[in-house]
PDB file of N, CA and C in Angstrom:
ATOM      1  N   MET A   1     101.822 117.910  96.540  1.00  0.00           N
ATOM      2  CA  MET A   1     102.008 118.016  98.011  1.00  0.00           C
ATOM      3  C   MET A   1     101.572 116.560  98.470  1.00  0.00           C
ATOM      4  N   ALA A   2     102.225 116.112  99.427  1.00  0.00           N
ATOM      5  CA  ALA A   2     101.787 114.613  99.935  1.00  0.00           C
ATOM      6  C   ALA A   2     100.783 114.792 101.057  1.00  0.00           C
ATOM      7  N   ARG A   3      99.834 113.940 101.085  1.00  0.00           N
ATOM      8  CA  ARG A   3      98.761 114.022 102.368  1.00  0.00           C
ATOM      9  C   ARG A   3      99.151 112.717 103.000  1.00  0.00           C
ATOM     10  N   GLU A   4      98.806 112.732 104.308  1.00  0.00           N
ATOM     11  CA  GLU A   4      99.035 111.361 105.161  1.00  0.00           C
ATOM     12  C   GLU A   4      97.751 111.008 105.421  1.00  0.00           C
ATOM     13  N   PHE A   5      97.622 109.812 105.690  1.00  0.00           N
ATOM     14  CA  PHE A   5      96.300 109.150 106.067  1.00  0.00           C
ATOM     15  C   PHE A   5      96.803 108.404 107.235  1.00  0.00           C
ATOM     16  N   LYS A   6      96.060 108.615 108.491  1.00  0.00           N
ATOM     17  CA  LYS A   6      96.338 108.053 109.684  1.00  0.00           C
ATOM     18  C   LYS A   6      95.456 106.870 110.122  1.00  0.00           C
ATOM     19  N   MET A   7      96.060 106.170 110.844  1.00  0.00           N
ATOM     20  CA  MET A   7      95.224 104.948 111.417  1.00  0.00           C
ATOM     21  C   MET A   7      94.102 105.487 112.148  1.00  0.00           C
ATOM     22  N   PRO A   8      92.713 105.378 111.621  1.00  0.00           N
ATOM     23  CA  PRO A   8      91.481 105.793 112.313  1.00  0.00           C
ATOM     24  C   PRO A   8      91.181 105.110 113.387  1.00  0.00           C
ATOM     25  N   ASP A   9      90.417 105.746 114.332  1.00  0.00           N
ATOM     26  CA  ASP A   9      89.779 104.906 115.416  1.00  0.00           C
ATOM     27  C   ASP A   9      88.770 103.996 114.862  1.00  0.00           C
ATOM     28  N   VAL A  10      89.020 102.812 114.814  1.00  0.00           N
ATOM     29  CA  VAL A  10      87.960 101.817 113.991  1.00  0.00           C
ATOM     30  C   VAL A  10      86.985 101.384 115.026  1.00  0.00           C
ATOM     31  N   GLY A  11      87.089 101.453 116.397  1.00  0.00           N
ATOM     32  CA  GLY A  11      86.201 100.842 117.351  1.00  0.00           C
ATOM     33  C   GLY A  11      86.121 101.433 118.531  1.00  0.00           C
ATOM     34  N   GLU A  12      85.212 101.544 119.339  1.00  0.00           N
ATOM     35  CA  GLU A  12      84.979 102.369 120.728  1.00  0.00           C
ATOM     36  C   GLU A  12      86.127 101.749 121.456  1.00  0.00           C
ATOM     37  N   GLY A  13      87.043 102.782 121.840  1.00  0.00           N
ATOM     38  CA  GLY A  13      88.187 102.410 122.996  1.00  0.00           C
ATOM     39  C   GLY A  13      89.180 101.624 122.319  1.00  0.00           C
ATOM     40  N   LEU A  14      89.242 101.274 121.131  1.00  0.00           N
ATOM     41  CA  LEU A  14      90.549 100.622 120.594  1.00  0.00           C
ATOM     42  C   LEU A  14      91.570 101.468 120.324  1.00  0.00           C
ATOM     43  N   THR A  15      92.876 101.180 120.796  1.00  0.00           N
ATOM     44  CA  THR A  15      93.898 102.078 120.571  1.00  0.00           C
ATOM     45  C   THR A  15      94.844 101.676 119.423  1.00  0.00           C
ATOM     46  N   GLU A  16      94.675 100.435 118.769  1.00  0.00           N
ATOM     47  CA  GLU A  16      95.417  99.888 117.782  1.00  0.00           C
ATOM     48  C   GLU A  16      94.904  98.918 116.901  1.00  0.00           C
ATOM     49  N   ALA A  17      95.511  98.681 115.657  1.00  0.00           N
ATOM     50  CA  ALA A  17      95.037  97.692 114.934  1.00  0.00           C
ATOM     51  C   ALA A  17      96.289  97.133 114.148  1.00  0.00           C
ATOM     52  N   GLU A  18      95.980  95.918 113.524  1.00  0.00           N
ATOM     53  CA  GLU A  18      97.166  95.160 112.974  1.00  0.00           C
ATOM     54  C   GLU A  18      96.774  95.367 111.449  1.00  0.00           C
ATOM     55  N   ILE A  19      97.822  95.835 110.363  1.00  0.00           N
ATOM     56  CA  ILE A  19      97.543  95.826 109.148  1.00  0.00           C
ATOM     57  C   ILE A  19      97.594  94.355 108.510  1.00  0.00           C
ATOM     58  N   LEU A  20      96.452  93.930 108.230  1.00  0.00           N
ATOM     59  CA  LEU A  20      96.277  92.365 107.629  1.00  0.00           C
ATOM     60  C   LEU A  20      96.540  92.552 105.857  1.00  0.00           C
ATOM     61  N   LYS A  21      96.345  93.538 105.339  1.00  0.00           N
ATOM     62  CA  LYS A  21      96.611  93.268 103.737  1.00  0.00           C
ATOM     63  C   LYS A  21      96.430  94.794 103.334  1.00  0.00           C
ATOM     64  N   TRP A  22      97.605  95.093 102.410  1.00  0.00           N
ATOM     65  CA  TRP A  22      97.522  96.265 101.570  1.00  0.00           C
ATOM     66  C   TRP A  22      96.743  95.932 100.225  1.00  0.00           C
ATOM     67  N   TYR A  23      95.786  96.705  99.806  1.00  0.00           N
ATOM     68  CA  TYR A  23      95.120  96.735  98.499  1.00  0.00           C
ATOM     69  C   TYR A  23      95.776  97.592  97.411  1.00  0.00           C
ATOM     70  N   VAL A  24      96.912  98.322  97.899  1.00  0.00           N
ATOM     71  CA  VAL A  24      97.459  99.176  97.048  1.00  0.00           C
ATOM     72  C   VAL A  24      98.933  99.141  97.149  1.00  0.00           C
ATOM     73  N   GLN A  25      99.715  99.602  96.203  1.00  0.00           N
ATOM     74  CA  GLN A  25     101.103  99.890  96.415  1.00  0.00           C
ATOM     75  C   GLN A  25     101.856 101.148  95.821  1.00  0.00           C
ATOM     76  N   PRO A  26     103.049 101.617  96.055  1.00  0.00           N
ATOM     77  CA  PRO A  26     103.373 102.779  95.791  1.00  0.00           C
ATOM     78  C   PRO A  26     103.321 102.918  94.141  1.00  0.00           C
ATOM     79  N   GLY A  27     102.798 104.052  93.790  1.00  0.00           N
ATOM     80  CA  GLY A  27     102.628 104.316  92.155  1.00  0.00           C
ATOM     81  C   GLY A  27     101.024 104.016  91.888  1.00  0.00           C
ATOM     82  N   ASP A  28     100.299 103.453  92.685  1.00  0.00           N
ATOM     83  CA  ASP A  28      98.968 103.209  92.244  1.00  0.00           C
ATOM     84  C   ASP A  28      98.066 104.646  92.515  1.00  0.00           C
ATOM     85  N   THR A  29      97.016 104.752  91.727  1.00  0.00           N
ATOM     86  CA  THR A  29      96.099 105.743  91.928  1.00  0.00           C
ATOM     87  C   THR A  29      94.911 105.359  92.796  1.00  0.00           C
ATOM     88  N   VAL A  30      94.667 106.388  93.699  1.00  0.00           N
ATOM     89  CA  VAL A  30      93.489 105.948  94.635  1.00  0.00           C
ATOM     90  C   VAL A  30      92.601 107.146  94.392  1.00  0.00           C
ATOM     91  N   THR A  31      91.346 106.733  94.621  1.00  0.00           N
ATOM     92  CA  THR A  31      90.234 107.674  94.712  1.00  0.00           C
ATOM     93  C   THR A  31      89.698 107.695  95.904  1.00  0.00           C
ATOM     94  N   ASP A  32      88.827 108.692  96.249  1.00  0.00           N
ATOM     95  CA  ASP A  32      87.993 109.160  97.553  1.00  0.00           C
ATOM     96  C   ASP A  32      87.118 107.938  97.768  1.00  0.00           C
ATOM     97  N   GLY A  33      87.275 107.415  98.864  1.00  0.00           N
ATOM     98  CA  GLY A  33      86.327 106.069  99.462  1.00  0.00           C
ATOM     99  C   GLY A  33      87.014 104.734  98.824  1.00  0.00           C
ATOM    100  N   GLN A  34      87.999 104.782  98.194  1.00  0.00           N
ATOM    101  CA  GLN A  34      88.668 103.539  97.785  1.00  0.00           C
ATOM    102  C   GLN A  34      89.143 102.647  98.947  1.00  0.00           C
ATOM    103  N   VAL A  35      88.960 101.427  99.134  1.00  0.00           N
ATOM    104  CA  VAL A  35      89.658 100.702 100.193  1.00  0.00           C
ATOM    105  C   VAL A  35      90.908 100.494  99.901  1.00  0.00           C
ATOM    106  N   VAL A  36      91.963 101.057 100.776  1.00  0.00           N
ATOM    107  CA  VAL A  36      93.431 100.773 100.653  1.00  0.00           C
ATOM    108  C   VAL A  36      94.158  99.730 101.377  1.00  0.00           C
ATOM    109  N   CYS A  37      93.540  99.344 102.481  1.00  0.00           N
ATOM    110  CA  CYS A  37      93.884  98.288 103.276  1.00  0.00           C
ATOM    111  C   CYS A  37      92.892  97.543 104.139  1.00  0.00           C
ATOM    112  N   GLU A  38      93.284  96.244 104.785  1.00  0.00           N
ATOM    113  CA  GLU A  38      92.279  95.584 105.711  1.00  0.00           C
ATOM    114  C   GLU A  38      93.202  95.547 106.968  1.00  0.00           C
ATOM    115  N   VAL A  39      92.331  95.986 108.082  1.00  0.00           N
ATOM    116  CA  VAL A  39      93.050  96.046 109.557  1.00  0.00           C
ATOM    117  C   VAL A  39      92.282  95.204 110.440  1.00  0.00           C
ATOM    118  N   GLU A  40      93.034  94.691 111.315  1.00  0.00           N
ATOM    119  CA  GLU A  40      92.306  93.756 112.332  1.00  0.00           C
ATOM    120  C   GLU A  40      92.433  94.371 113.706  1.00  0.00           C
ATOM    121  N   THR A  41      91.392  94.505 114.459  1.00  0.00           N
ATOM    122  CA  THR A  41      91.270  95.061 115.883  1.00  0.00           C
ATOM    123  C   THR A  41      91.165  93.781 116.778  1.00  0.00           C
ATOM    124  N   ALA A  42      90.914  94.117 118.130  1.00  0.00           N
ATOM    125  CA  ALA A  42      90.658  92.954 118.975  1.00  0.00           C
ATOM    126  C   ALA A  42      89.422  92.616 118.679  1.00  0.00           C
ATOM    127  N   LYS A  43      88.346  93.377 118.042  1.00  0.00           N
ATOM    128  CA  LYS A  43      87.005  92.867 117.792  1.00  0.00           C
ATOM    129  C   LYS A  43      86.615  92.453 116.285  1.00  0.00           C
ATOM    130  N   ALA A  44      87.282  92.974 115.335  1.00  0.00           N
ATOM    131  CA  ALA A  44      86.810  92.649 114.045  1.00  0.00           C
ATOM    132  C   ALA A  44      88.062  93.016 112.906  1.00  0.00           C
ATOM    133  N   ALA A  45      87.961  92.482 111.868  1.00  0.00           N
ATOM    134  CA  ALA A  45      88.464  92.927 110.759  1.00  0.00           C
ATOM    135  C   ALA A  45      87.837  93.958 110.046  1.00  0.00           C
ATOM    136  N   VAL A  46      88.543  95.052 109.590  1.00  0.00           N
ATOM    137  CA  VAL A  46      87.879  96.192 108.899  1.00  0.00           C
ATOM    138  C   VAL A  46      88.540  96.672 107.651  1.00  0.00           C
ATOM    139  N   GLU A  47      88.092  97.054 106.628  1.00  0.00           N
ATOM    140  CA  GLU A  47      88.504  97.512 105.388  1.00  0.00           C
ATOM    141  C   GLU A  47      88.515  99.140 105.752  1.00  0.00           C
ATOM    142  N   LEU A  48      89.577  99.783 105.407  1.00  0.00           N
ATOM    143  CA  LEU A  48      89.840 101.276 105.492  1.00  0.00           C
ATOM    144  C   LEU A  48      89.623 101.869 104.140  1.00  0.00           C
ATOM    145  N   PRO A  49      88.777 102.763 103.838  1.00  0.00           N
ATOM    146  CA  PRO A  49      88.696 103.535 102.635  1.00  0.00           C
ATOM    147  C   PRO A  49      89.591 104.888 102.913  1.00  0.00           C
ATOM    148  N   ILE A  50      90.118 105.483 101.922  1.00  0.00           N
ATOM    149  CA  ILE A  50      91.085 106.645 101.906  1.00  0.00           C
ATOM    150  C   ILE A  50      90.033 107.814 101.636  1.00  0.00           C
ATOM    151  N   PRO A  51      90.249 108.952 102.262  1.00  0.00           N
ATOM    152  CA  PRO A  51      89.264 109.960 101.937  1.00  0.00           C
ATOM    153  C   PRO A  51      89.491 111.064 101.101  1.00  0.00           C
ATOM    154  N   PHE A  52      90.664 110.710 100.173  1.00  0.00           N
ATOM    155  CA  PHE A  52      90.897 111.803  99.133  1.00  0.00           C
ATOM    156  C   PHE A  52      91.549 110.918  97.912  1.00  0.00           C
ATOM    157  N   ASP A  53      91.686 111.667  96.801  1.00  0.00           N
ATOM    158  CA  ASP A  53      92.253 111.212  95.563  1.00  0.00           C
ATOM    159  C   ASP A  53      93.825 111.420  95.562  1.00  0.00           C
ATOM    160  N   GLY A  54      94.518 110.591  95.029  1.00  0.00           N
ATOM    161  CA  GLY A  54      95.990 110.854  94.804  1.00  0.00           C
ATOM    162  C   GLY A  54      96.680 109.718  94.156  1.00  0.00           C
ATOM    163  N   VAL A  55      97.964 109.598  94.274  1.00  0.00           N
ATOM    164  CA  VAL A  55      98.917 108.468  93.938  1.00  0.00           C
ATOM    165  C   VAL A  55      99.789 108.065  95.054  1.00  0.00           C
ATOM    166  N   VAL A  56      99.650 106.889  95.449  1.00  0.00           N
ATOM    167  CA  VAL A  56     100.187 106.278  96.706  1.00  0.00           C
ATOM    168  C   VAL A  56     101.884 106.542  96.294  1.00  0.00           C
ATOM    169  N   ARG A  57     102.515 107.278  97.446  1.00  0.00           N
ATOM    170  CA  ARG A  57     103.860 107.629  97.653  1.00  0.00           C
ATOM    171  C   ARG A  57     104.423 106.476  98.403  1.00  0.00           C
ATOM    172  N   GLU A  58     104.086 106.150  99.599  1.00  0.00           N
ATOM    173  CA  GLU A  58     104.532 105.200 100.511  1.00  0.00           C
ATOM    174  C   GLU A  58     103.550 104.505 101.276  1.00  0.00           C
ATOM    175  N   LEU A  59     103.925 103.394 101.508  1.00  0.00           N
ATOM    176  CA  LEU A  59     103.128 102.526 102.576  1.00  0.00           C
ATOM    177  C   LEU A  59     104.179 102.552 103.751  1.00  0.00           C
ATOM    178  N   LEU A  60     103.767 103.147 104.881  1.00  0.00           N
ATOM    179  CA  LEU A  60     104.649 103.422 105.932  1.00  0.00           C
ATOM    180  C   LEU A  60     104.737 101.903 107.055  1.00  0.00           C
ATOM    181  N   PHE A  61     103.853 101.115 106.898  1.00  0.00           N
ATOM    182  CA  PHE A  61     104.036  99.760 107.647  1.00  0.00           C
ATOM    183  C   PHE A  61     103.840  98.484 106.750  1.00  0.00           C
ATOM    184  N   PRO A  62     104.595  97.431 106.989  1.00  0.00           N
ATOM    185  CA  PRO A  62     104.310  96.348 106.241  1.00  0.00           C
ATOM    186  C   PRO A  62     103.051  95.489 106.827  1.00  0.00           C
ATOM    187  N   GLU A  63     102.519  94.582 105.953  1.00  0.00           N
ATOM    188  CA  GLU A  63     101.396  93.695 106.386  1.00  0.00           C
ATOM    189  C   GLU A  63     102.079  93.089 107.812  1.00  0.00           C
ATOM    190  N   GLY A  64     101.047  92.746 108.715  1.00  0.00           N
ATOM    191  CA  GLY A  64     101.404  92.214 109.880  1.00  0.00           C
ATOM    192  C   GLY A  64     101.905  93.076 111.249  1.00  0.00           C
ATOM    193  N   THR A  65     102.023  94.247 110.680  1.00  0.00           N
ATOM    194  CA  THR A  65     102.358  95.333 111.914  1.00  0.00           C
ATOM    195  C   THR A  65     101.222  96.018 112.511  1.00  0.00           C
ATOM    196  N   THR A  66     101.326  95.874 113.917  1.00  0.00           N
ATOM    197  CA  THR A  66     100.454  96.502 114.693  1.00  0.00           C
ATOM    198  C   THR A  66     100.519  97.852 114.804  1.00  0.00           C
ATOM    199  N   VAL A  67      99.764  98.786 114.569  1.00  0.00           N
ATOM    200  CA  VAL A  67      99.931 100.190 114.548  1.00  0.00           C
ATOM    201  C   VAL A  67      98.932 100.961 115.410  1.00  0.00           C
ATOM    202  N   ASP A  68      99.400 101.942 116.079  1.00  0.00           N
ATOM    203  CA  ASP A  68      98.467 102.892 117.036  1.00  0.00           C
ATOM    204  C   ASP A  68      97.668 103.681 116.322  1.00  0.00           C
ATOM    205  N   VAL A  69      96.340 103.877 116.919  1.00  0.00           N
ATOM    206  CA  VAL A  69      95.548 104.921 116.270  1.00  0.00           C
ATOM    207  C   VAL A  69      96.204 106.199 116.293  1.00  0.00           C
ATOM    208  N   GLY A  70      95.993 107.025 114.946  1.00  0.00           N
ATOM    209  CA  GLY A  70      96.651 108.264 114.996  1.00  0.00           C
ATOM    210  C   GLY A  70      98.037 108.155 114.198  1.00  0.00           C
ATOM    211  N   GLN A  71      98.577 107.148 114.076  1.00  0.00           N
ATOM    212  CA  GLN A  71      99.961 106.953 113.421  1.00  0.00           C
ATOM    213  C   GLN A  71      99.635 107.012 112.109  1.00  0.00           C
ATOM    214  N   VAL A  72     100.563 107.632 111.126  1.00  0.00           N
ATOM    215  CA  VAL A  72     100.331 107.730 109.758  1.00  0.00           C
ATOM    216  C   VAL A  72     100.752 106.422 109.111  1.00  0.00           C
ATOM    217  N   ILE A  73      99.848 105.932 108.172  1.00  0.00           N
ATOM    218  CA  ILE A  73     100.224 104.372 107.723  1.00  0.00           C
ATOM    219  C   ILE A  73     100.490 104.599 106.158  1.00  0.00           C
ATOM    220  N   ILE A  74     100.141 105.609 105.458  1.00  0.00           N
ATOM    221  CA  ILE A  74     100.262 105.875 104.064  1.00  0.00           C
ATOM    222  C   ILE A  74     100.334 107.317 103.739  1.00  0.00           C
ATOM    223  N   SER A  75     101.308 107.406 102.797  1.00  0.00           N
ATOM    224  CA  SER A  75     101.656 108.836 102.029  1.00  0.00           C
ATOM    225  C   SER A  75     100.982 108.702 100.663  1.00  0.00           C
ATOM    226  N   VAL A  76     100.333 109.723 100.570  1.00  0.00           N
ATOM    227  CA  VAL A  76      99.889 109.863  98.867  1.00  0.00           C
ATOM    228  C   VAL A  76     100.011 111.292  98.439  1.00  0.00           C
ATOM    229  N   ASP A  77     100.550 111.320  97.114  1.00  0.00           N
ATOM    230  CA  ASP A  77     100.550 112.504  96.438  1.00  0.00           C
ATOM    231  C   ASP A  77      99.266 112.948  95.736  1.00  0.00           C
ATOM    232  N   VAL A  78      98.833 114.137  96.257  1.00  0.00           N
ATOM    233  CA  VAL A  78      97.609 114.624  95.890  1.00  0.00           C
ATOM    234  C   VAL A  78      97.790 115.689  94.683  1.00  0.00           C
ATOM    235  N   ALA A  79      97.151 115.428  93.679  1.00  0.00           N
ATOM    236  CA  ALA A  79      97.168 116.371  92.353  1.00  0.00           C
ATOM    237  C   ALA A  79      96.635 117.751  92.933  1.00  0.00           C
ATOM    238  N   GLY A  80      97.167 118.880  92.258  1.00  0.00           N
ATOM    239  CA  GLY A  80      96.831 120.108  92.442  1.00  0.00           C
ATOM    240  C   GLY A  80      97.439 120.684  93.740  1.00  0.00           C
ATOM    241  N   GLU A  81      97.933 120.020  94.681  1.00  0.00           N
ATOM    242  CA  GLU A  81      98.585 120.434  95.843  1.00  0.00           C
ATOM    243  C   GLU A  81      99.922 120.564  95.977  1.00  0.00           C
ATOM    244  N   GLU A  82     100.386 120.197  94.821  1.00  0.00           N
ATOM    245  CA  GLU A  82     102.078 120.114  94.841  1.00  0.00           C
ATOM    246  C   GLU A  82     102.398 121.161  93.895  1.00  0.00           C
ATOM    247  N   PRO A  83     103.221 122.154  93.956  1.00  0.00           N
ATOM    248  CA  PRO A  83     103.742 122.994  93.000  1.00  0.00           C
ATOM    249  C   PRO A  83     104.214 122.214  91.858  1.00  0.00           C
ATOM    250  N   ALA A  84     103.791 122.744  90.728  1.00  0.00           N
ATOM    251  CA  ALA A  84     104.655 121.973  89.551  1.00  0.00           C
ATOM    252  C   ALA A  84     106.042 122.469  89.553  1.00  0.00           C
ATOM    253  N   ALA A  85     106.855 121.501  88.963  1.00  0.00           N
ATOM    254  CA  ALA A  85     108.257 121.842  88.532  1.00  0.00           C
ATOM    255  C   ALA A  85     108.286 122.685  87.398  1.00  0.00           C
ATOM    256  N   PRO A  86     109.220 123.912  87.537  1.00  0.00           N
ATOM    257  CA  PRO A  86     109.228 124.582  86.403  1.00  0.00           C
ATOM    258  C   PRO A  86     109.539 123.810  85.143  1.00  0.00           C
ATOM    259  N   ALA A  87     109.102 124.323  83.995  1.00  0.00           N
ATOM    260  CA  ALA A  87     109.578 123.649  82.774  1.00  0.00           C
ATOM    261  C   ALA A  87     110.725 124.089  82.280  1.00  0.00           C
ATOM    262  N   PRO A  88     111.506 123.308  81.691  1.00  0.00           N
ATOM    263  CA  PRO A  88     113.077 123.756  81.450  1.00  0.00           C
ATOM    264  C   PRO A  88     112.776 124.825  80.253  1.00  0.00           C
ATOM    265  N   ALA A  89     113.851 125.739  80.292  1.00  0.00           N
ATOM    266  CA  ALA A  89     113.589 126.816  79.326  1.00  0.00           C
ATOM    267  C   ALA A  89     114.109 126.494  77.940  1.00  0.00           C
ATOM    268  N   ALA A  90     113.511 126.771  77.086  1.00  0.00           N
ATOM    269  CA  ALA A  90     113.814 126.343  75.571  1.00  0.00           C
ATOM    270  C   ALA A  90     114.523 127.378  75.037  1.00  0.00           C
ATOM    271  N   GLU A  91     115.811 127.580  75.284  1.00  0.00           N
ATOM    272  CA  GLU A  91     116.468 128.576  74.676  1.00  0.00           C
ATOM    273  C   GLU A  91     117.397 128.092  73.376  1.00  0.00           C
ATOM    274  N   PRO A  92     117.504 128.954  72.427  1.00  0.00           N
ATOM    275  CA  PRO A  92     118.080 128.461  71.131  1.00  0.00           C
ATOM    276  C   PRO A  92     119.622 128.363  71.503  1.00  0.00           C
ATOM    277  N   ALA A  93     120.316 127.591  71.006  1.00  0.00           N
ATOM    278  CA  ALA A  93     121.928 127.284  71.275  1.00  0.00           C
ATOM    279  C   ALA A  93     122.501 128.523  70.703  1.00  0.00           C
ATOM    280  N   PRO A  94     123.412 129.055  71.116  1.00  0.00           N
ATOM    281  CA  PRO A  94     124.123 130.297  70.366  1.00  0.00           C
ATOM    282  C   PRO A  94     124.803 129.745  69.203  1.00  0.00           C
ATOM    283  N   ALA A  95     124.868 130.474  68.159  1.00  0.00           N
ATOM    284  CA  ALA A  95     125.395 130.141  67.020  1.00  0.00           C
ATOM    285  C   ALA A  95     126.991 129.970  67.008  1.00  0.00           C
ATOM    286  N   ALA A  96     127.583 128.995  66.299  1.00  0.00           N
ATOM    287  CA  ALA A  96     129.198 128.836  66.526  1.00  0.00           C
ATOM    288  C   ALA A  96     129.884 129.946  65.501  1.00  0.00           C
ATOM    289  N   ALA A  97     130.627 130.627  66.195  1.00  0.00           N
ATOM    290  CA  ALA A  97     131.338 131.599  65.279  1.00  0.00           C
ATOM    291  C   ALA A  97     132.634 131.075  64.535  1.00  0.00           C
TER     292      ALA A  97
END
């Protein structure tokens, strides 16, 4: 199952931040607490750690984009939360007559 990471409130009263740099790309494995991007607010540049483990599915905004607090910025596939695809049935081929 994919989990979404939203732009957090990184400062008192700030409503948006600009994504300066992504430190991960789709397909990368991330761990709880790993910094995934750097954002800049009106007050400072801040590194954002992700609060769960998984594999990056999609970065929803390119670098240089200003994003409102609460908007989803990254989608991550989380192990154990997505139903496994059924294994293909291994049936013997019928004998030729």
